[in-house]
Amino acid sequence: MSLVWEQLNVDARDPVHLGRWWAEALGWVVVNDDPDEYEIRPDKDRLPGLLFAPVPETKTIKNRLHLDFRPDDQAAEVARLLALGARHADVGQGEQSWVVLQDPEGNEFCVLRDRRPQT
């Protein structure tokens, strides 16, 4: 097979703002700052990346695809993301070990429980 995962495309009302937010949230670098194709990656030459492209409409329903992140410390990471502008989200998940958040444009993502063993 010759497929390589290049990037995940994210529709955005403001691709630059949302791309910068995700770059800060993930500690990634900007590899293309064009407002029509704002792309970030873990490192300049490392894939996959996130490509933010402009759309005229706002998000209206729950994402059909979302990102999950496994932190070293869930509580600290959730607090950091909330301080950056994320918001808690209720997508009908009920009481779970993960926390559902939304980025500044309402895209849901999950912060899973800690990577470290629970005591």
PDB file of N, CA and C in Angstrom:
ATOM      1  N   MET A   1       0.853  -1.172   0.000  1.00  0.00           N
ATOM      2  CA  MET A   1       0.000   0.000   0.000  1.00  0.00           C
ATOM      3  C   MET A   1       0.901   1.237   0.000  1.00  0.00           C
ATOM      4  N   SER A   2       0.494   2.261  -0.739  1.00  0.00           N
ATOM      5  CA  SER A   2       1.325   3.444  -0.857  1.00  0.00           C
ATOM      6  C   SER A   2       0.663   4.706  -0.308  1.00  0.00           C
ATOM      7  N   LEU A   3      -0.368   4.565   0.504  1.00  0.00           N
ATOM      8  CA  LEU A   3      -1.031   5.731   1.075  1.00  0.00           C
ATOM      9  C   LEU A   3      -0.292   6.233   2.308  1.00  0.00           C
ATOM     10  N   VAL A   4      -0.133   7.553   2.392  1.00  0.00           N
ATOM     11  CA  VAL A   4       0.449   8.201   3.567  1.00  0.00           C
ATOM     12  C   VAL A   4      -0.555   9.245   4.037  1.00  0.00           C
ATOM     13  N   TRP A   5      -0.867   9.219   5.335  1.00  0.00           N
ATOM     14  CA  TRP A   5      -1.798  10.196   5.889  1.00  0.00           C
ATOM     15  C   TRP A   5      -1.095  11.544   5.933  1.00  0.00           C
ATOM     16  N   GLU A   6      -1.540  12.480   5.099  1.00  0.00           N
ATOM     17  CA  GLU A   6      -0.915  13.798   4.966  1.00  0.00           C
ATOM     18  C   GLU A   6      -1.456  14.782   5.994  1.00  0.00           C
ATOM     19  N   GLN A   7      -2.801  14.896   6.074  1.00  0.00           N
ATOM     20  CA  GLN A   7      -3.399  15.889   6.959  1.00  0.00           C
ATOM     21  C   GLN A   7      -4.876  15.609   7.161  1.00  0.00           C
ATOM     22  N   LEU A   8      -5.417  16.261   8.141  1.00  0.00           N
ATOM     23  CA  LEU A   8      -6.847  16.275   8.383  1.00  0.00           C
ATOM     24  C   LEU A   8      -7.317  17.691   8.072  1.00  0.00           C
ATOM     25  N   ASN A   9      -8.324  17.823   7.235  1.00  0.00           N
ATOM     26  CA  ASN A   9      -8.855  19.132   6.858  1.00  0.00           C
ATOM     27  C   ASN A   9      -9.930  19.558   7.844  1.00  0.00           C
ATOM     28  N   VAL A  10      -9.852  20.816   8.258  1.00  0.00           N
ATOM     29  CA  VAL A  10     -10.797  21.371   9.214  1.00  0.00           C
ATOM     30  C   VAL A  10     -11.443  22.599   8.581  1.00  0.00           C
ATOM     31  N   ASP A  11     -12.756  22.574   8.420  1.00  0.00           N
ATOM     32  CA  ASP A  11     -13.482  23.748   7.950  1.00  0.00           C
ATOM     33  C   ASP A  11     -13.470  24.801   9.057  1.00  0.00           C
ATOM     34  N   ALA A  12     -13.286  26.059   8.674  1.00  0.00           N
ATOM     35  CA  ALA A  12     -13.209  27.117   9.687  1.00  0.00           C
ATOM     36  C   ALA A  12     -13.747  28.431   9.136  1.00  0.00           C
ATOM     37  N   ARG A  13     -14.434  29.167   9.978  1.00  0.00           N
ATOM     38  CA  ARG A  13     -14.857  30.528   9.612  1.00  0.00           C
ATOM     39  C   ARG A  13     -13.633  31.428   9.544  1.00  0.00           C
ATOM     40  N   ASP A  14     -12.672  31.215  10.450  1.00  0.00           N
ATOM     41  CA  ASP A  14     -11.439  32.000  10.482  1.00  0.00           C
ATOM     42  C   ASP A  14     -10.268  31.024  10.593  1.00  0.00           C
ATOM     43  N   PRO A  15      -9.769  30.512   9.457  1.00  0.00           N
ATOM     44  CA  PRO A  15      -8.718  29.492   9.473  1.00  0.00           C
ATOM     45  C   PRO A  15      -7.451  29.906  10.207  1.00  0.00           C
ATOM     46  N   VAL A  16      -7.054  31.157  10.081  1.00  0.00           N
ATOM     47  CA  VAL A  16      -5.824  31.607  10.743  1.00  0.00           C
ATOM     48  C   VAL A  16      -6.001  31.584  12.254  1.00  0.00           C
ATOM     49  N   HIS A  17      -7.095  32.138  12.741  1.00  0.00           N
ATOM     50  CA  HIS A  17      -7.336  32.155  14.190  1.00  0.00           C
ATOM     51  C   HIS A  17      -7.437  30.732  14.746  1.00  0.00           C
ATOM     52  N   LEU A  18      -8.224  29.898  14.084  1.00  0.00           N
ATOM     53  CA  LEU A  18      -8.395  28.539  14.581  1.00  0.00           C
ATOM     54  C   LEU A  18      -7.097  27.742  14.460  1.00  0.00           C
ATOM     55  N   GLY A  19      -6.377  27.914  13.368  1.00  0.00           N
ATOM     56  CA  GLY A  19      -5.100  27.230  13.203  1.00  0.00           C
ATOM     57  C   GLY A  19      -4.088  27.639  14.256  1.00  0.00           C
ATOM     58  N   ARG A  20      -4.043  28.932  14.553  1.00  0.00           N
ATOM     59  CA  ARG A  20      -3.130  29.403  15.615  1.00  0.00           C
ATOM     60  C   ARG A  20      -3.525  28.830  16.967  1.00  0.00           C
ATOM     61  N   TRP A  21      -4.829  28.753  17.214  1.00  0.00           N
ATOM     62  CA  TRP A  21      -5.291  28.190  18.491  1.00  0.00           C
ATOM     63  C   TRP A  21      -4.823  26.741  18.628  1.00  0.00           C
ATOM     64  N   TRP A  22      -5.044  25.937  17.579  1.00  0.00           N
ATOM     65  CA  TRP A  22      -4.635  24.539  17.630  1.00  0.00           C
ATOM     66  C   TRP A  22      -3.112  24.395  17.705  1.00  0.00           C
ATOM     67  N   ALA A  23      -2.383  25.261  17.020  1.00  0.00           N
ATOM     68  CA  ALA A  23      -0.917  25.208  17.103  1.00  0.00           C
ATOM     69  C   ALA A  23      -0.460  25.427  18.536  1.00  0.00           C
ATOM     70  N   GLU A  24      -1.072  26.390  19.212  1.00  0.00           N
ATOM     71  CA  GLU A  24      -0.713  26.632  20.611  1.00  0.00           C
ATOM     72  C   GLU A  24      -1.176  25.483  21.508  1.00  0.00           C
ATOM     73  N   ALA A  25      -2.388  25.000  21.278  1.00  0.00           N
ATOM     74  CA  ALA A  25      -2.921  23.912  22.099  1.00  0.00           C
ATOM     75  C   ALA A  25      -2.058  22.658  22.000  1.00  0.00           C
ATOM     76  N   LEU A  26      -1.564  22.364  20.794  1.00  0.00           N
ATOM     77  CA  LEU A  26      -0.794  21.136  20.564  1.00  0.00           C
ATOM     78  C   LEU A  26       0.714  21.330  20.635  1.00  0.00           C
ATOM     79  N   GLY A  27       1.177  22.581  20.628  1.00  0.00           N
ATOM     80  CA  GLY A  27       2.607  22.831  20.581  1.00  0.00           C
ATOM     81  C   GLY A  27       3.200  22.515  19.215  1.00  0.00           C
ATOM     82  N   TRP A  28       2.393  22.668  18.160  1.00  0.00           N
ATOM     83  CA  TRP A  28       2.818  22.368  16.793  1.00  0.00           C
ATOM     84  C   TRP A  28       3.329  23.636  16.120  1.00  0.00           C
ATOM     85  N   VAL A  29       3.908  23.460  14.922  1.00  0.00           N
ATOM     86  CA  VAL A  29       4.452  24.578  14.169  1.00  0.00           C
ATOM     87  C   VAL A  29       3.573  24.875  12.955  1.00  0.00           C
ATOM     88  N   VAL A  30       3.577  26.126  12.547  1.00  0.00           N
ATOM     89  CA  VAL A  30       2.863  26.543  11.346  1.00  0.00           C
ATOM     90  C   VAL A  30       3.762  26.271  10.148  1.00  0.00           C
ATOM     91  N   VAL A  31       3.250  25.527   9.167  1.00  0.00           N
ATOM     92  CA  VAL A  31       4.028  25.250   7.956  1.00  0.00           C
ATOM     93  C   VAL A  31       3.481  25.998   6.746  1.00  0.00           C
ATOM     94  N   ASN A  32       2.267  26.537   6.854  1.00  0.00           N
ATOM     95  CA  ASN A  32       1.696  27.356   5.789  1.00  0.00           C
ATOM     96  C   ASN A  32       0.734  28.331   6.449  1.00  0.00           C
ATOM     97  N   ASP A  33       1.036  29.630   6.336  1.00  0.00           N
ATOM     98  CA  ASP A  33       0.175  30.622   6.984  1.00  0.00           C
ATOM     99  C   ASP A  33      -0.766  31.328   6.014  1.00  0.00           C
ATOM    100  N   ASP A  34      -0.991  30.715   4.857  1.00  0.00           N
ATOM    101  CA  ASP A  34      -1.946  31.239   3.881  1.00  0.00           C
ATOM    102  C   ASP A  34      -3.354  31.117   4.482  1.00  0.00           C
ATOM    103  N   PRO A  35      -4.141  32.199   4.514  1.00  0.00           N
ATOM    104  CA  PRO A  35      -5.474  32.124   5.119  1.00  0.00           C
ATOM    105  C   PRO A  35      -6.428  31.149   4.432  1.00  0.00           C
ATOM    106  N   ASP A  36      -6.119  30.748   3.197  1.00  0.00           N
ATOM    107  CA  ASP A  36      -6.962  29.777   2.511  1.00  0.00           C
ATOM    108  C   ASP A  36      -6.513  28.339   2.735  1.00  0.00           C
ATOM    109  N   GLU A  37      -5.319  28.145   3.270  1.00  0.00           N
ATOM    110  CA  GLU A  37      -4.778  26.804   3.568  1.00  0.00           C
ATOM    111  C   GLU A  37      -3.787  26.924   4.713  1.00  0.00           C
ATOM    112  N   TYR A  38      -4.281  27.218   5.890  1.00  0.00           N
ATOM    113  CA  TYR A  38      -3.435  27.400   7.062  1.00  0.00           C
ATOM    114  C   TYR A  38      -3.128  26.018   7.632  1.00  0.00           C
ATOM    115  N   GLU A  39      -1.864  25.626   7.612  1.00  0.00           N
ATOM    116  CA  GLU A  39      -1.502  24.256   8.013  1.00  0.00           C
ATOM    117  C   GLU A  39      -0.514  24.248   9.176  1.00  0.00           C
ATOM    118  N   ILE A  40      -0.770  23.331  10.107  1.00  0.00           N
ATOM    119  CA  ILE A  40       0.143  23.108  11.226  1.00  0.00           C
ATOM    120  C   ILE A  40       0.531  21.636  11.249  1.00  0.00           C
ATOM    121  N   ARG A  41       1.712  21.376  11.805  1.00  0.00           N
ATOM    122  CA  ARG A  41       2.206  20.004  11.939  1.00  0.00           C
ATOM    123  C   ARG A  41       2.969  19.869  13.251  1.00  0.00           C
ATOM    124  N   PRO A  42       3.189  18.627  13.693  1.00  0.00           N
ATOM    125  CA  PRO A  42       3.980  18.421  14.912  1.00  0.00           C
ATOM    126  C   PRO A  42       5.385  19.015  14.786  1.00  0.00           C
ATOM    127  N   ASP A  43       6.006  18.873  13.645  1.00  0.00           N
ATOM    128  CA  ASP A  43       7.287  19.467  13.270  1.00  0.00           C
ATOM    129  C   ASP A  43       7.195  19.787  11.788  1.00  0.00           C
ATOM    130  N   LYS A  44       8.080  20.621  11.288  1.00  0.00           N
ATOM    131  CA  LYS A  44       8.016  21.061   9.885  1.00  0.00           C
ATOM    132  C   LYS A  44       7.899  19.898   8.898  1.00  0.00           C
ATOM    133  N   ASP A  45       8.650  18.837   9.114  1.00  0.00           N
ATOM    134  CA  ASP A  45       8.675  17.723   8.166  1.00  0.00           C
ATOM    135  C   ASP A  45       7.972  16.475   8.686  1.00  0.00           C
ATOM    136  N   ARG A  46       7.118  16.618   9.700  1.00  0.00           N
ATOM    137  CA  ARG A  46       6.441  15.453  10.275  1.00  0.00           C
ATOM    138  C   ARG A  46       4.945  15.492   9.977  1.00  0.00           C
ATOM    139  N   LEU A  47       4.428  14.376   9.528  1.00  0.00           N
ATOM    140  CA  LEU A  47       3.004  14.229   9.225  1.00  0.00           C
ATOM    141  C   LEU A  47       2.334  13.366  10.292  1.00  0.00           C
ATOM    142  N   PRO A  48       1.008  13.398  10.383  1.00  0.00           N
ATOM    143  CA  PRO A  48       0.080  14.229   9.626  1.00  0.00           C
ATOM    144  C   PRO A  48      -0.034  15.633  10.214  1.00  0.00           C
ATOM    145  N   GLY A  49      -0.645  16.513   9.416  1.00  0.00           N
ATOM    146  CA  GLY A  49      -0.886  17.872   9.854  1.00  0.00           C
ATOM    147  C   GLY A  49      -2.371  18.156   9.922  1.00  0.00           C
ATOM    148  N   LEU A  50      -2.687  19.349  10.352  1.00  0.00           N
ATOM    149  CA  LEU A  50      -4.062  19.852  10.331  1.00  0.00           C
ATOM    150  C   LEU A  50      -4.088  21.030   9.368  1.00  0.00           C
ATOM    151  N   LEU A  51      -5.002  20.987   8.400  1.00  0.00           N
ATOM    152  CA  LEU A  51      -5.135  22.042   7.404  1.00  0.00           C
ATOM    153  C   LEU A  51      -6.474  22.727   7.615  1.00  0.00           C
ATOM    154  N   PHE A  52      -6.439  24.026   7.870  1.00  0.00           N
ATOM    155  CA  PHE A  52      -7.646  24.807   8.145  1.00  0.00           C
ATOM    156  C   PHE A  52      -8.012  25.595   6.895  1.00  0.00           C
ATOM    157  N   ALA A  53      -9.228  25.381   6.394  1.00  0.00           N
ATOM    158  CA  ALA A  53      -9.692  26.013   5.159  1.00  0.00           C
ATOM    159  C   ALA A  53     -10.971  26.807   5.436  1.00  0.00           C
ATOM    160  N   PRO A  54     -11.133  27.934   4.764  1.00  0.00           N
ATOM    161  CA  PRO A  54     -12.298  28.780   5.030  1.00  0.00           C
ATOM    162  C   PRO A  54     -13.595  28.214   4.461  1.00  0.00           C
ATOM    163  N   VAL A  55     -14.655  28.381   5.239  1.00  0.00           N
ATOM    164  CA  VAL A  55     -16.015  28.079   4.795  1.00  0.00           C
ATOM    165  C   VAL A  55     -16.909  29.223   5.275  1.00  0.00           C
ATOM    166  N   PRO A  56     -17.989  29.504   4.567  1.00  0.00           N
ATOM    167  CA  PRO A  56     -18.835  30.635   4.952  1.00  0.00           C
ATOM    168  C   PRO A  56     -19.768  30.343   6.134  1.00  0.00           C
ATOM    169  N   GLU A  57     -20.095  29.086   6.355  1.00  0.00           N
ATOM    170  CA  GLU A  57     -21.070  28.759   7.389  1.00  0.00           C
ATOM    171  C   GLU A  57     -20.385  28.413   8.714  1.00  0.00           C
ATOM    172  N   THR A  58     -21.152  28.556   9.802  1.00  0.00           N
ATOM    173  CA  THR A  58     -20.664  28.142  11.116  1.00  0.00           C
ATOM    174  C   THR A  58     -21.038  26.680  11.340  1.00  0.00           C
ATOM    175  N   LYS A  59     -20.373  26.055  12.277  1.00  0.00           N
ATOM    176  CA  LYS A  59     -20.673  24.667  12.632  1.00  0.00           C
ATOM    177  C   LYS A  59     -22.052  24.627  13.282  1.00  0.00           C
ATOM    178  N   THR A  60     -22.872  23.625  12.911  1.00  0.00           N
ATOM    179  CA  THR A  60     -24.234  23.576  13.447  1.00  0.00           C
ATOM    180  C   THR A  60     -24.566  22.275  14.165  1.00  0.00           C
ATOM    181  N   ILE A  61     -23.866  21.182  13.865  1.00  0.00           N
ATOM    182  CA  ILE A  61     -24.181  19.907  14.511  1.00  0.00           C
ATOM    183  C   ILE A  61     -22.906  19.263  15.035  1.00  0.00           C
ATOM    184  N   LYS A  62     -23.074  18.200  15.796  1.00  0.00           N
ATOM    185  CA  LYS A  62     -21.957  17.452  16.352  1.00  0.00           C
ATOM    186  C   LYS A  62     -21.043  16.943  15.228  1.00  0.00           C
ATOM    187  N   ASN A  63     -19.731  16.999  15.493  1.00  0.00           N
ATOM    188  CA  ASN A  63     -18.763  16.482  14.516  1.00  0.00           C
ATOM    189  C   ASN A  63     -19.010  15.007  14.236  1.00  0.00           C
ATOM    190  N   ARG A  64     -18.760  14.584  13.015  1.00  0.00           N
ATOM    191  CA  ARG A  64     -18.809  13.161  12.675  1.00  0.00           C
ATOM    192  C   ARG A  64     -17.436  12.535  12.831  1.00  0.00           C
ATOM    193  N   LEU A  65     -16.424  13.359  12.961  1.00  0.00           N
ATOM    194  CA  LEU A  65     -15.049  12.923  13.163  1.00  0.00           C
ATOM    195  C   LEU A  65     -14.454  13.871  14.191  1.00  0.00           C
ATOM    196  N   HIS A  66     -13.772  13.319  15.189  1.00  0.00           N
ATOM    197  CA  HIS A  66     -13.144  14.198  16.173  1.00  0.00           C
ATOM    198  C   HIS A  66     -11.815  13.604  16.616  1.00  0.00           C
ATOM    199  N   LEU A  67     -11.013  14.429  17.267  1.00  0.00           N
ATOM    200  CA  LEU A  67      -9.699  14.016  17.740  1.00  0.00           C
ATOM    201  C   LEU A  67      -9.770  13.627  19.208  1.00  0.00           C
ATOM    202  N   ASP A  68      -9.030  12.599  19.577  1.00  0.00           N
ATOM    203  CA  ASP A  68      -8.863  12.182  20.975  1.00  0.00           C
ATOM    204  C   ASP A  68      -7.405  12.399  21.352  1.00  0.00           C
ATOM    205  N   PHE A  69      -7.178  12.935  22.538  1.00  0.00           N
ATOM    206  CA  PHE A  69      -5.824  13.178  23.023  1.00  0.00           C
ATOM    207  C   PHE A  69      -5.638  12.472  24.354  1.00  0.00           C
ATOM    208  N   ARG A  70      -4.486  11.810  24.533  1.00  0.00           N
ATOM    209  CA  ARG A  70      -4.156  11.119  25.791  1.00  0.00           C
ATOM    210  C   ARG A  70      -3.057  11.918  26.492  1.00  0.00           C
ATOM    211  N   PRO A  71      -3.387  12.650  27.544  1.00  0.00           N
ATOM    212  CA  PRO A  71      -2.398  13.467  28.245  1.00  0.00           C
ATOM    213  C   PRO A  71      -1.686  12.692  29.357  1.00  0.00           C
ATOM    214  N   ASP A  72      -0.623  13.274  29.853  1.00  0.00           N
ATOM    215  CA  ASP A  72       0.025  12.729  31.047  1.00  0.00           C
ATOM    216  C   ASP A  72      -0.831  13.024  32.278  1.00  0.00           C
ATOM    217  N   ASP A  73      -1.476  14.192  32.292  1.00  0.00           N
ATOM    218  CA  ASP A  73      -2.286  14.626  33.431  1.00  0.00           C
ATOM    219  C   ASP A  73      -3.555  15.266  32.886  1.00  0.00           C
ATOM    220  N   GLN A  74      -4.657  14.522  32.930  1.00  0.00           N
ATOM    221  CA  GLN A  74      -5.910  14.981  32.337  1.00  0.00           C
ATOM    222  C   GLN A  74      -6.392  16.292  32.941  1.00  0.00           C
ATOM    223  N   ALA A  75      -6.421  16.378  34.255  1.00  0.00           N
ATOM    224  CA  ALA A  75      -6.947  17.586  34.900  1.00  0.00           C
ATOM    225  C   ALA A  75      -6.132  18.819  34.518  1.00  0.00           C
ATOM    226  N   ALA A  76      -4.822  18.692  34.520  1.00  0.00           N
ATOM    227  CA  ALA A  76      -3.965  19.825  34.166  1.00  0.00           C
ATOM    228  C   ALA A  76      -4.153  20.212  32.702  1.00  0.00           C
ATOM    229  N   GLU A  77      -4.268  19.234  31.838  1.00  0.00           N
ATOM    230  CA  GLU A  77      -4.421  19.520  30.411  1.00  0.00           C
ATOM    231  C   GLU A  77      -5.772  20.156  30.119  1.00  0.00           C
ATOM    232  N   VAL A  78      -6.832  19.664  30.743  1.00  0.00           N
ATOM    233  CA  VAL A  78      -8.156  20.266  30.559  1.00  0.00           C
ATOM    234  C   VAL A  78      -8.125  21.714  31.037  1.00  0.00           C
ATOM    235  N   ALA A  79      -7.516  21.969  32.194  1.00  0.00           N
ATOM    236  CA  ALA A  79      -7.425  23.335  32.710  1.00  0.00           C
ATOM    237  C   ALA A  79      -6.649  24.231  31.744  1.00  0.00           C
ATOM    238  N   ARG A  80      -5.556  23.730  31.189  1.00  0.00           N
ATOM    239  CA  ARG A  80      -4.746  24.512  30.248  1.00  0.00           C
ATOM    240  C   ARG A  80      -5.547  24.839  28.988  1.00  0.00           C
ATOM    241  N   LEU A  81      -6.259  23.849  28.437  1.00  0.00           N
ATOM    242  CA  LEU A  81      -7.049  24.059  27.225  1.00  0.00           C
ATOM    243  C   LEU A  81      -8.203  25.026  27.473  1.00  0.00           C
ATOM    244  N   LEU A  82      -8.833  24.925  28.632  1.00  0.00           N
ATOM    245  CA  LEU A  82      -9.901  25.865  28.973  1.00  0.00           C
ATOM    246  C   LEU A  82      -9.345  27.288  29.077  1.00  0.00           C
ATOM    247  N   ALA A  83      -8.158  27.434  29.642  1.00  0.00           N
ATOM    248  CA  ALA A  83      -7.523  28.750  29.748  1.00  0.00           C
ATOM    249  C   ALA A  83      -7.193  29.323  28.368  1.00  0.00           C
ATOM    250  N   LEU A  84      -6.933  28.454  27.390  1.00  0.00           N
ATOM    251  CA  LEU A  84      -6.657  28.898  26.022  1.00  0.00           C
ATOM    252  C   LEU A  84      -7.933  29.284  25.266  1.00  0.00           C
ATOM    253  N   GLY A  85      -9.097  28.908  25.802  1.00  0.00           N
ATOM    254  CA  GLY A  85     -10.350  29.260  25.140  1.00  0.00           C
ATOM    255  C   GLY A  85     -11.245  28.097  24.767  1.00  0.00           C
ATOM    256  N   ALA A  86     -10.846  26.873  25.098  1.00  0.00           N
ATOM    257  CA  ALA A  86     -11.736  25.724  24.870  1.00  0.00           C
ATOM    258  C   ALA A  86     -12.936  25.837  25.813  1.00  0.00           C
ATOM    259  N   ARG A  87     -14.000  25.119  25.482  1.00  0.00           N
ATOM    260  CA  ARG A  87     -15.195  25.075  26.329  1.00  0.00           C
ATOM    261  C   ARG A  87     -15.624  23.629  26.522  1.00  0.00           C
ATOM    262  N   HIS A  88     -16.248  23.360  27.662  1.00  0.00           N
ATOM    263  CA  HIS A  88     -16.809  22.029  27.877  1.00  0.00           C
ATOM    264  C   HIS A  88     -17.940  21.802  26.885  1.00  0.00           C
ATOM    265  N   ALA A  89     -18.128  20.553  26.474  1.00  0.00           N
ATOM    266  CA  ALA A  89     -19.190  20.215  25.525  1.00  0.00           C
ATOM    267  C   ALA A  89     -19.954  18.998  26.022  1.00  0.00           C
ATOM    268  N   ASP A  90     -21.248  19.016  25.807  1.00  0.00           N
ATOM    269  CA  ASP A  90     -22.094  17.873  26.115  1.00  0.00           C
ATOM    270  C   ASP A  90     -22.631  17.343  24.792  1.00  0.00           C
ATOM    271  N   VAL A  91     -22.148  16.174  24.402  1.00  0.00           N
ATOM    272  CA  VAL A  91     -22.619  15.535  23.168  1.00  0.00           C
ATOM    273  C   VAL A  91     -23.399  14.265  23.508  1.00  0.00           C
ATOM    274  N   GLY A  92     -23.907  14.226  24.748  1.00  0.00           N
ATOM    275  CA  GLY A  92     -24.658  13.063  25.185  1.00  0.00           C
ATOM    276  C   GLY A  92     -23.779  11.959  25.740  1.00  0.00           C
ATOM    277  N   GLN A  93     -22.549  12.274  26.109  1.00  0.00           N
ATOM    278  CA  GLN A  93     -21.605  11.261  26.556  1.00  0.00           C
ATOM    279  C   GLN A  93     -21.891  10.745  27.967  1.00  0.00           C
ATOM    280  N   GLY A  94     -22.665  11.492  28.766  1.00  0.00           N
ATOM    281  CA  GLY A  94     -22.902  11.061  30.144  1.00  0.00           C
ATOM    282  C   GLY A  94     -21.618  11.100  30.955  1.00  0.00           C
ATOM    283  N   GLU A  95     -21.602  10.371  32.046  1.00  0.00           N
ATOM    284  CA  GLU A  95     -20.431  10.317  32.934  1.00  0.00           C
ATOM    285  C   GLU A  95     -19.412   9.357  32.342  1.00  0.00           C
ATOM    286  N   GLN A  96     -18.252   9.873  31.945  1.00  0.00           N
ATOM    287  CA  GLN A  96     -17.211   9.062  31.309  1.00  0.00           C
ATOM    288  C   GLN A  96     -15.845   9.408  31.889  1.00  0.00           C
ATOM    289  N   SER A  97     -14.842   8.619  31.540  1.00  0.00           N
ATOM    290  CA  SER A  97     -13.479   8.889  31.997  1.00  0.00           C
ATOM    291  C   SER A  97     -12.803   9.959  31.148  1.00  0.00           C
ATOM    292  N   TRP A  98     -13.390  10.325  30.005  1.00  0.00           N
ATOM    293  CA  TRP A  98     -12.813  11.356  29.161  1.00  0.00           C
ATOM    294  C   TRP A  98     -13.615  12.645  29.312  1.00  0.00           C
ATOM    295  N   VAL A  99     -13.000  13.744  28.885  1.00  0.00           N
ATOM    296  CA  VAL A  99     -13.639  15.061  28.935  1.00  0.00           C
ATOM    297  C   VAL A  99     -13.813  15.543  27.500  1.00  0.00           C
ATOM    298  N   VAL A 100     -15.040  15.939  27.159  1.00  0.00           N
ATOM    299  CA  VAL A 100     -15.316  16.465  25.829  1.00  0.00           C
ATOM    300  C   VAL A 100     -15.225  17.987  25.895  1.00  0.00           C
ATOM    301  N   LEU A 101     -14.410  18.539  25.000  1.00  0.00           N
ATOM    302  CA  LEU A 101     -14.247  19.987  24.902  1.00  0.00           C
ATOM    303  C   LEU A 101     -14.556  20.428  23.475  1.00  0.00           C
ATOM    304  N   GLN A 102     -14.696  21.739  23.305  1.00  0.00           N
ATOM    305  CA  GLN A 102     -14.863  22.342  21.979  1.00  0.00           C
ATOM    306  C   GLN A 102     -13.775  23.382  21.791  1.00  0.00           C
ATOM    307  N   ASP A 103     -13.261  23.461  20.559  1.00  0.00           N
ATOM    308  CA  ASP A 103     -12.308  24.518  20.232  1.00  0.00           C
ATOM    309  C   ASP A 103     -13.079  25.833  20.055  1.00  0.00           C
ATOM    310  N   PRO A 104     -12.422  26.946  19.760  1.00  0.00           N
ATOM    311  CA  PRO A 104     -13.131  28.231  19.644  1.00  0.00           C
ATOM    312  C   PRO A 104     -14.230  28.293  18.585  1.00  0.00           C
ATOM    313  N   GLU A 105     -14.226  27.387  17.606  1.00  0.00           N
ATOM    314  CA  GLU A 105     -15.300  27.373  16.603  1.00  0.00           C
ATOM    315  C   GLU A 105     -16.310  26.258  16.844  1.00  0.00           C
ATOM    316  N   GLY A 106     -16.226  25.587  17.992  1.00  0.00           N
ATOM    317  CA  GLY A 106     -17.222  24.592  18.363  1.00  0.00           C
ATOM    318  C   GLY A 106     -16.928  23.167  17.950  1.00  0.00           C
ATOM    319  N   ASN A 107     -15.736  22.878  17.428  1.00  0.00           N
ATOM    320  CA  ASN A 107     -15.378  21.506  17.052  1.00  0.00           C
ATOM    321  C   ASN A 107     -15.029  20.701  18.299  1.00  0.00           C
ATOM    322  N   GLU A 108     -15.742  19.583  18.477  1.00  0.00           N
ATOM    323  CA  GLU A 108     -15.515  18.754  19.653  1.00  0.00           C
ATOM    324  C   GLU A 108     -14.219  17.953  19.539  1.00  0.00           C
ATOM    325  N   PHE A 109     -13.589  17.741  20.689  1.00  0.00           N
ATOM    326  CA  PHE A 109     -12.445  16.839  20.809  1.00  0.00           C
ATOM    327  C   PHE A 109     -12.437  16.309  22.237  1.00  0.00           C
ATOM    328  N   CYS A 110     -11.756  15.198  22.443  1.00  0.00           N
ATOM    329  CA  CYS A 110     -11.761  14.563  23.756  1.00  0.00           C
ATOM    330  C   CYS A 110     -10.370  14.548  24.373  1.00  0.00           C
ATOM    331  N   VAL A 111     -10.343  14.770  25.662  1.00  0.00           N
ATOM    332  CA  VAL A 111      -9.126  14.604  26.444  1.00  0.00           C
ATOM    333  C   VAL A 111      -9.355  13.349  27.284  1.00  0.00           C
ATOM    334  N   LEU A 112      -8.634  12.303  26.941  1.00  0.00           N
ATOM    335  CA  LEU A 112      -8.801  11.010  27.593  1.00  0.00           C
ATOM    336  C   LEU A 112      -8.182  11.029  28.980  1.00  0.00           C
ATOM    337  N   ARG A 113      -8.391   9.963  29.734  1.00  0.00           N
ATOM    338  CA  ARG A 113      -7.810   9.923  31.081  1.00  0.00           C
ATOM    339  C   ARG A 113      -6.287   9.871  30.978  1.00  0.00           C
ATOM    340  N   ASP A 114      -5.655  10.119  32.112  1.00  0.00           N
ATOM    341  CA  ASP A 114      -4.194  10.216  32.191  1.00  0.00           C
ATOM    342  C   ASP A 114      -3.494   9.016  31.588  1.00  0.00           C
ATOM    343  N   ARG A 115      -2.331   9.285  31.021  1.00  0.00           N
ATOM    344  CA  ARG A 115      -1.462   8.235  30.512  1.00  0.00           C
ATOM    345  C   ARG A 115      -0.848   7.444  31.671  1.00  0.00           C
ATOM    346  N   ARG A 116      -0.586   8.129  32.767  1.00  0.00           N
ATOM    347  CA  ARG A 116       0.054   7.493  33.923  1.00  0.00           C
ATOM    348  C   ARG A 116      -0.931   6.552  34.618  1.00  0.00           C
ATOM    349  N   PRO A 117      -0.410   5.526  35.297  1.00  0.00           N
ATOM    350  CA  PRO A 117      -1.302   4.592  36.007  1.00  0.00           C
ATOM    351  C   PRO A 117      -2.094   5.292  37.100  1.00  0.00           C
ATOM    352  N   GLN A 118      -3.338   4.891  37.245  1.00  0.00           N
ATOM    353  CA  GLN A 118      -4.198   5.446  38.305  1.00  0.00           C
ATOM    354  C   GLN A 118      -3.894   4.744  39.618  1.00  0.00           C
ATOM    355  N   THR A 119      -3.864   5.526  40.707  1.00  0.00           N
ATOM    356  CA  THR A 119      -3.618   4.926  42.031  1.00  0.00           C
ATOM    357  C   THR A 119      -4.810   5.074  42.912  1.00  0.00           C
TER     358      THR A 119
END
